[in-house]
Structure formats: structure tokens, C-alpha cells
Amino acid sequence: AAREKIALTVVGPEAPLAAGIVDVFRARGLRIFGPTRAAAQLESSKDYAKSFMTRHRIPTAHHRTFADPAEATAALSKIAPEDFVADLRSGISELQRRVPDRKIAAVGFCMGGGLVWRLLAAGEPQLAAAVPFYGPAPAAADVPRIKAELLIHYAGNDARIKAGWPAYETALKAAGVRHEAH
């Protein structure tokens, strides 16, 4: 910015803000618009943001932070499936409020793929499309409740998936669920 004689730099991406670009520019006397590294934590660190909101009594969902991935996984396994579905449906409702008359889709990878499948199995009528990457598919008996078009991604060498896929695809076809699987 100094070499090019830029009058004002406006930073858009989160990563440079979180890395402290505003602090560096200000230390060099360059004009820049954006939050300092400390202030950028509200966006770049979900743990910081949630702790800040809790500390200042700003309404926010409950949260916990984990240093141990196994502890985080154990905590997630204690959440009732219907609670996950209720939270996802709440998100869909909020999206519809913000962007009315638009179709809603869900994408999830691994555990997120499983959550997308749970939402589909619950028969969420507002979901137009879904892309589950892995994650356990719902029972074949739940397939008729699926209203969305599907783009399904599974590992071709995963014996667990390969063993159950033919029967599951048969259920999708029998229920008339438009899908493409890879």
C-alpha cells in the first residue's frame, strides 16, 4: 500500500483481519478500514465470540469448547437426534425468513452428512435439495418421507456403505426420490 500510494485499504476477507493486518498497517501509518486483530476475534474465533456473548449476557446458544477431540465427540453423542433435527429445522426457518421465495438446500460432510440424513428422514418439507457426504443414511423405512432431491457422495471402497447401498438405492427408487449417487 505504501509503495503504490494507496489512500485507503479496505479489507474484506476474514483471514488477514484475524492475522492482524489492520494492526500492521496502523503501526506503519497507513490508512486501513477493518477491525484490529483483537476485534476480529468476534468473527474469526467462535470460541471467543461465544464466550464474549455469554460474558456480556448477549443471548446465544449454549456452547462448550474442547481441547480433546475425543471429549468433543463424546459430548456430541449425548445430544438427542430429535434435538439436532429441531436445531436444523430452526435454521431452515430462519433462512426462509431472511430469503423468502428461495429454495433451501442442506450440505453436510461426515457427521454433518449424517445430520443431513436425519433432517431428510424427518420429512422436512422445506428442503428442496440435499448433499450428504458420508454419514449414516436413515433406515429404508424412512425413505418415503424424503422430499428433497439428493446428490449423495460415499466412498466406493467403504465396505460398510457398499454392503447396504443396493437395498438403499432400491428404496430411494421405490419412493420416487430423485437422486444421484457417487
C-alpha atoms as a PDB file:
ATOM      1  CA  ALA A   1       0.000   0.000   0.000  1.00  0.00           C
ATOM      2  CA  ALA A   2       2.848   2.405   0.818  1.00  0.00           C
ATOM      3  CA  ARG A   3       4.745   1.653  -2.396  1.00  0.00           C
ATOM      4  CA  GLU A   4       1.593   2.054  -4.528  1.00  0.00           C
ATOM      5  CA  LYS A   5       0.494   5.143  -2.532  1.00  0.00           C
ATOM      6  CA  ILE A   6      -2.908   3.620  -1.724  1.00  0.00           C
ATOM      7  CA  ALA A   7      -5.012   6.243   0.089  1.00  0.00           C
ATOM      8  CA  LEU A   8      -7.220   3.736   1.958  1.00  0.00           C
ATOM      9  CA  THR A   9      -7.179  -0.051   2.126  1.00  0.00           C
ATOM     10  CA  VAL A  10     -10.455  -1.846   2.803  1.00  0.00           C
ATOM     11  CA  VAL A  11     -10.031  -5.454   3.922  1.00  0.00           C
ATOM     12  CA  GLY A  12     -12.790  -7.928   3.126  1.00  0.00           C
ATOM     13  CA  PRO A  13     -11.524 -11.447   3.822  1.00  0.00           C
ATOM     14  CA  GLU A  14     -11.534 -12.705   7.402  1.00  0.00           C
ATOM     15  CA  ALA A  15      -8.102 -14.374   7.401  1.00  0.00           C
ATOM     16  CA  PRO A  16      -5.962 -11.207   7.006  1.00  0.00           C
ATOM     17  CA  LEU A  17      -8.072  -9.432   9.639  1.00  0.00           C
ATOM     18  CA  ALA A  18      -7.627 -12.324  12.068  1.00  0.00           C
ATOM     19  CA  ALA A  19      -3.878 -12.286  11.329  1.00  0.00           C
ATOM     20  CA  GLY A  20      -3.688  -8.600  12.323  1.00  0.00           C
ATOM     21  CA  ILE A  21      -3.255  -6.764   9.014  1.00  0.00           C
ATOM     22  CA  VAL A  22      -5.052  -3.696  10.406  1.00  0.00           C
ATOM     23  CA  ASP A  23      -2.612  -3.521  13.325  1.00  0.00           C
ATOM     24  CA  VAL A  24       0.372  -3.756  10.943  1.00  0.00           C
ATOM     25  CA  PHE A  25      -0.967  -1.023   8.633  1.00  0.00           C
ATOM     26  CA  ARG A  26      -1.731   1.291  11.557  1.00  0.00           C
ATOM     27  CA  ALA A  27       1.732   0.733  13.048  1.00  0.00           C
ATOM     28  CA  ARG A  28       3.197   1.839   9.695  1.00  0.00           C
ATOM     29  CA  GLY A  29       0.926   4.884   9.493  1.00  0.00           C
ATOM     30  CA  LEU A  30      -1.142   3.514   6.598  1.00  0.00           C
ATOM     31  CA  ARG A  31      -4.874   4.156   6.369  1.00  0.00           C
ATOM     32  CA  ILE A  32      -6.952   0.988   6.560  1.00  0.00           C
ATOM     33  CA  PHE A  33     -10.572   0.119   7.255  1.00  0.00           C
ATOM     34  CA  GLY A  34     -11.307  -3.012   9.291  1.00  0.00           C
ATOM     35  CA  PRO A  35     -11.208  -4.369  12.818  1.00  0.00           C
ATOM     36  CA  THR A  36      -7.993  -4.868  14.738  1.00  0.00           C
ATOM     37  CA  ARG A  37      -6.747  -8.388  15.382  1.00  0.00           C
ATOM     38  CA  ALA A  38      -8.360  -8.331  18.825  1.00  0.00           C
ATOM     39  CA  ALA A  39     -11.704  -7.125  17.497  1.00  0.00           C
ATOM     40  CA  ALA A  40     -11.614  -9.567  14.554  1.00  0.00           C
ATOM     41  CA  GLN A  41     -11.763 -12.435  17.045  1.00  0.00           C
ATOM     42  CA  LEU A  42     -15.512 -11.851  17.305  1.00  0.00           C
ATOM     43  CA  GLU A  43     -15.766 -13.255  13.781  1.00  0.00           C
ATOM     44  CA  SER A  44     -12.652 -15.415  13.440  1.00  0.00           C
ATOM     45  CA  SER A  45     -12.930 -17.317  16.724  1.00  0.00           C
ATOM     46  CA  LYS A  46     -16.264 -18.905  17.512  1.00  0.00           C
ATOM     47  CA  ASP A  47     -14.988 -19.757  21.000  1.00  0.00           C
ATOM     48  CA  TYR A  48     -14.072 -16.120  21.642  1.00  0.00           C
ATOM     49  CA  ALA A  49     -17.376 -14.866  20.220  1.00  0.00           C
ATOM     50  CA  LYS A  50     -19.497 -17.269  22.261  1.00  0.00           C
ATOM     51  CA  SER A  51     -17.531 -16.528  25.446  1.00  0.00           C
ATOM     52  CA  PHE A  52     -17.864 -12.778  24.778  1.00  0.00           C
ATOM     53  CA  MET A  53     -21.630 -13.086  24.290  1.00  0.00           C
ATOM     54  CA  THR A  54     -22.016 -15.172  27.431  1.00  0.00           C
ATOM     55  CA  ARG A  55     -19.852 -12.790  29.472  1.00  0.00           C
ATOM     56  CA  HIS A  56     -21.866  -9.775  28.306  1.00  0.00           C
ATOM     57  CA  ARG A  57     -25.241 -11.540  28.618  1.00  0.00           C
ATOM     58  CA  ILE A  58     -25.945 -11.357  24.897  1.00  0.00           C
ATOM     59  CA  PRO A  59     -28.437 -14.130  24.018  1.00  0.00           C
ATOM     60  CA  THR A  60     -26.712 -17.032  22.297  1.00  0.00           C
ATOM     61  CA  ALA A  61     -26.969 -20.800  22.151  1.00  0.00           C
ATOM     62  CA  HIS A  62     -25.199 -22.875  24.776  1.00  0.00           C
ATOM     63  CA  HIS A  63     -21.640 -23.779  23.896  1.00  0.00           C
ATOM     64  CA  ARG A  64     -18.642 -25.678  25.143  1.00  0.00           C
ATOM     65  CA  THR A  65     -15.051 -25.654  23.960  1.00  0.00           C
ATOM     66  CA  PHE A  66     -12.916 -28.777  23.862  1.00  0.00           C
ATOM     67  CA  ALA A  67      -9.169 -29.281  23.606  1.00  0.00           C
ATOM     68  CA  ASP A  68      -9.588 -33.057  23.325  1.00  0.00           C
ATOM     69  CA  PRO A  69     -11.362 -34.258  20.149  1.00  0.00           C
ATOM     70  CA  ALA A  70     -12.484 -37.466  21.874  1.00  0.00           C
ATOM     71  CA  GLU A  71     -14.187 -35.434  24.604  1.00  0.00           C
ATOM     72  CA  ALA A  72     -15.958 -33.338  21.959  1.00  0.00           C
ATOM     73  CA  THR A  73     -17.128 -36.463  20.132  1.00  0.00           C
ATOM     74  CA  ALA A  74     -18.412 -37.962  23.384  1.00  0.00           C
ATOM     75  CA  ALA A  75     -20.352 -34.764  24.155  1.00  0.00           C
ATOM     76  CA  LEU A  76     -21.929 -34.756  20.679  1.00  0.00           C
ATOM     77  CA  SER A  77     -23.050 -38.351  21.086  1.00  0.00           C
ATOM     78  CA  LYS A  78     -25.110 -37.288  24.119  1.00  0.00           C
ATOM     79  CA  ILE A  79     -27.274 -34.895  22.078  1.00  0.00           C
ATOM     80  CA  ALA A  80     -30.624 -36.451  21.241  1.00  0.00           C
ATOM     81  CA  PRO A  81     -31.203 -36.888  17.479  1.00  0.00           C
ATOM     82  CA  GLU A  82     -34.517 -35.028  17.709  1.00  0.00           C
ATOM     83  CA  ASP A  83     -32.647 -32.038  19.194  1.00  0.00           C
ATOM     84  CA  PHE A  84     -30.313 -31.964  16.191  1.00  0.00           C
ATOM     85  CA  VAL A  85     -33.298 -32.094  13.840  1.00  0.00           C
ATOM     86  CA  ALA A  86     -35.086 -29.331  15.770  1.00  0.00           C
ATOM     87  CA  ASP A  87     -31.987 -27.118  15.538  1.00  0.00           C
ATOM     88  CA  LEU A  88     -31.627 -27.772  11.812  1.00  0.00           C
ATOM     89  CA  ARG A  89     -35.304 -27.018  11.229  1.00  0.00           C
ATOM     90  CA  SER A  90     -34.872 -23.790  13.164  1.00  0.00           C
ATOM     91  CA  GLY A  91     -32.040 -22.872  10.801  1.00  0.00           C
ATOM     92  CA  ILE A  92     -34.221 -23.583   7.777  1.00  0.00           C
ATOM     93  CA  SER A  93     -36.977 -21.396   9.214  1.00  0.00           C
ATOM     94  CA  GLU A  94     -34.504 -18.572   9.745  1.00  0.00           C
ATOM     95  CA  LEU A  95     -33.178 -18.886   6.181  1.00  0.00           C
ATOM     96  CA  GLN A  96     -36.716 -18.761   4.824  1.00  0.00           C
ATOM     97  CA  ARG A  97     -37.374 -15.640   6.855  1.00  0.00           C
ATOM     98  CA  ARG A  98     -34.237 -13.966   5.501  1.00  0.00           C
ATOM     99  CA  VAL A  99     -34.582 -15.078   1.878  1.00  0.00           C
ATOM    100  CA  PRO A 100     -38.262 -15.697   1.202  1.00  0.00           C
ATOM    101  CA  ASP A 101     -39.272 -17.413  -2.014  1.00  0.00           C
ATOM    102  CA  ARG A 102     -35.888 -19.136  -2.340  1.00  0.00           C
ATOM    103  CA  LYS A 103     -35.252 -22.859  -2.269  1.00  0.00           C
ATOM    104  CA  ILE A 104     -33.263 -24.238   0.668  1.00  0.00           C
ATOM    105  CA  ALA A 105     -30.628 -26.983   0.471  1.00  0.00           C
ATOM    106  CA  ALA A 106     -28.502 -28.728   3.086  1.00  0.00           C
ATOM    107  CA  VAL A 107     -24.927 -29.965   2.699  1.00  0.00           C
ATOM    108  CA  GLY A 108     -23.048 -31.996   5.278  1.00  0.00           C
ATOM    109  CA  PHE A 109     -19.800 -33.949   5.430  1.00  0.00           C
ATOM    110  CA  CYS A 110     -19.196 -36.947   7.683  1.00  0.00           C
ATOM    111  CA  MET A 111     -21.140 -36.208  10.884  1.00  0.00           C
ATOM    112  CA  GLY A 112     -22.763 -33.321   9.022  1.00  0.00           C
ATOM    113  CA  GLY A 113     -23.790 -35.778   6.310  1.00  0.00           C
ATOM    114  CA  GLY A 114     -25.446 -37.869   9.000  1.00  0.00           C
ATOM    115  CA  LEU A 115     -27.278 -34.792  10.264  1.00  0.00           C
ATOM    116  CA  VAL A 116     -28.488 -34.005   6.746  1.00  0.00           C
ATOM    117  CA  TRP A 117     -29.765 -37.589   6.506  1.00  0.00           C
ATOM    118  CA  ARG A 118     -31.603 -37.166   9.844  1.00  0.00           C
ATOM    119  CA  LEU A 119     -33.244 -33.998   8.571  1.00  0.00           C
ATOM    120  CA  LEU A 120     -34.279 -35.796   5.390  1.00  0.00           C
ATOM    121  CA  ALA A 121     -35.658 -38.765   7.335  1.00  0.00           C
ATOM    122  CA  ALA A 122     -37.727 -36.358   9.420  1.00  0.00           C
ATOM    123  CA  GLY A 123     -39.503 -35.392   6.193  1.00  0.00           C
ATOM    124  CA  GLU A 124     -38.535 -31.714   6.270  1.00  0.00           C
ATOM    125  CA  PRO A 125     -40.863 -30.289   3.585  1.00  0.00           C
ATOM    126  CA  GLN A 126     -38.961 -27.003   3.095  1.00  0.00           C
ATOM    127  CA  LEU A 127     -35.751 -28.713   1.989  1.00  0.00           C
ATOM    128  CA  ALA A 128     -35.521 -28.685  -1.822  1.00  0.00           C
ATOM    129  CA  ALA A 129     -32.160 -30.425  -2.159  1.00  0.00           C
ATOM    130  CA  ALA A 130     -29.532 -32.122  -0.037  1.00  0.00           C
ATOM    131  CA  VAL A 131     -25.936 -33.242  -0.471  1.00  0.00           C
ATOM    132  CA  PRO A 132     -24.906 -35.720   2.218  1.00  0.00           C
ATOM    133  CA  PHE A 133     -21.217 -36.626   2.062  1.00  0.00           C
ATOM    134  CA  TYR A 134     -20.941 -39.848   4.057  1.00  0.00           C
ATOM    135  CA  GLY A 135     -22.814 -40.082   7.322  1.00  0.00           C
ATOM    136  CA  PRO A 136     -25.209 -42.902   8.180  1.00  0.00           C
ATOM    137  CA  ALA A 137     -28.241 -42.950   5.914  1.00  0.00           C
ATOM    138  CA  PRO A 138     -31.654 -43.303   7.559  1.00  0.00           C
ATOM    139  CA  ALA A 139     -33.495 -46.606   7.652  1.00  0.00           C
ATOM    140  CA  ALA A 140     -35.054 -47.679   4.369  1.00  0.00           C
ATOM    141  CA  ALA A 141     -38.472 -47.373   6.060  1.00  0.00           C
ATOM    142  CA  ASP A 142     -37.828 -43.604   6.446  1.00  0.00           C
ATOM    143  CA  VAL A 143     -37.049 -43.056   2.751  1.00  0.00           C
ATOM    144  CA  PRO A 144     -40.663 -42.272   1.723  1.00  0.00           C
ATOM    145  CA  ARG A 145     -40.509 -39.183   3.986  1.00  0.00           C
ATOM    146  CA  ILE A 146     -37.644 -37.690   1.963  1.00  0.00           C
ATOM    147  CA  LYS A 147     -38.958 -34.759  -0.092  1.00  0.00           C
ATOM    148  CA  ALA A 148     -35.679 -33.267  -1.368  1.00  0.00           C
ATOM    149  CA  GLU A 149     -33.613 -34.122  -4.416  1.00  0.00           C
ATOM    150  CA  LEU A 150     -30.339 -35.781  -3.414  1.00  0.00           C
ATOM    151  CA  LEU A 151     -26.744 -35.688  -4.563  1.00  0.00           C
ATOM    152  CA  ILE A 152     -25.183 -38.452  -2.463  1.00  0.00           C
ATOM    153  CA  HIS A 153     -21.431 -38.944  -2.013  1.00  0.00           C
ATOM    154  CA  TYR A 154     -19.967 -42.087  -0.455  1.00  0.00           C
ATOM    155  CA  ALA A 155     -16.583 -43.775  -0.618  1.00  0.00           C
ATOM    156  CA  GLY A 156     -16.551 -46.547  -3.181  1.00  0.00           C
ATOM    157  CA  ASN A 157     -14.184 -48.647  -1.082  1.00  0.00           C
ATOM    158  CA  ASP A 158     -16.118 -48.376   2.200  1.00  0.00           C
ATOM    159  CA  ALA A 159     -17.327 -51.950   2.787  1.00  0.00           C
ATOM    160  CA  ARG A 160     -19.993 -50.825   5.280  1.00  0.00           C
ATOM    161  CA  ILE A 161     -21.557 -48.457   2.749  1.00  0.00           C
ATOM    162  CA  LYS A 162     -21.158 -50.772  -0.230  1.00  0.00           C
ATOM    163  CA  ALA A 163     -22.920 -53.612   1.606  1.00  0.00           C
ATOM    164  CA  GLY A 164     -26.088 -51.614   2.260  1.00  0.00           C
ATOM    165  CA  TRP A 165     -26.162 -49.344  -0.766  1.00  0.00           C
ATOM    166  CA  PRO A 166     -28.046 -51.559  -3.278  1.00  0.00           C
ATOM    167  CA  ALA A 167     -31.019 -52.020  -0.929  1.00  0.00           C
ATOM    168  CA  TYR A 168     -30.997 -48.348  -0.025  1.00  0.00           C
ATOM    169  CA  GLU A 169     -30.942 -47.231  -3.635  1.00  0.00           C
ATOM    170  CA  THR A 170     -33.851 -49.591  -4.315  1.00  0.00           C
ATOM    171  CA  ALA A 171     -35.793 -47.872  -1.501  1.00  0.00           C
ATOM    172  CA  LEU A 172     -34.991 -44.436  -2.964  1.00  0.00           C
ATOM    173  CA  LYS A 173     -36.222 -45.503  -6.396  1.00  0.00           C
ATOM    174  CA  ALA A 174     -39.363 -47.140  -4.987  1.00  0.00           C
ATOM    175  CA  ALA A 175     -40.204 -43.935  -3.096  1.00  0.00           C
ATOM    176  CA  GLY A 176     -39.614 -41.816  -6.213  1.00  0.00           C
ATOM    177  CA  VAL A 177     -36.824 -39.811  -4.580  1.00  0.00           C
ATOM    178  CA  ARG A 178     -34.773 -38.098  -7.295  1.00  0.00           C
ATOM    179  CA  HIS A 179     -31.146 -38.808  -6.555  1.00  0.00           C
ATOM    180  CA  GLU A 180     -27.695 -39.160  -7.984  1.00  0.00           C
ATOM    181  CA  ALA A 181     -25.071 -41.145  -6.111  1.00  0.00           C
ATOM    182  CA  HIS A 182     -21.290 -41.124  -6.347  1.00  0.00           C
END
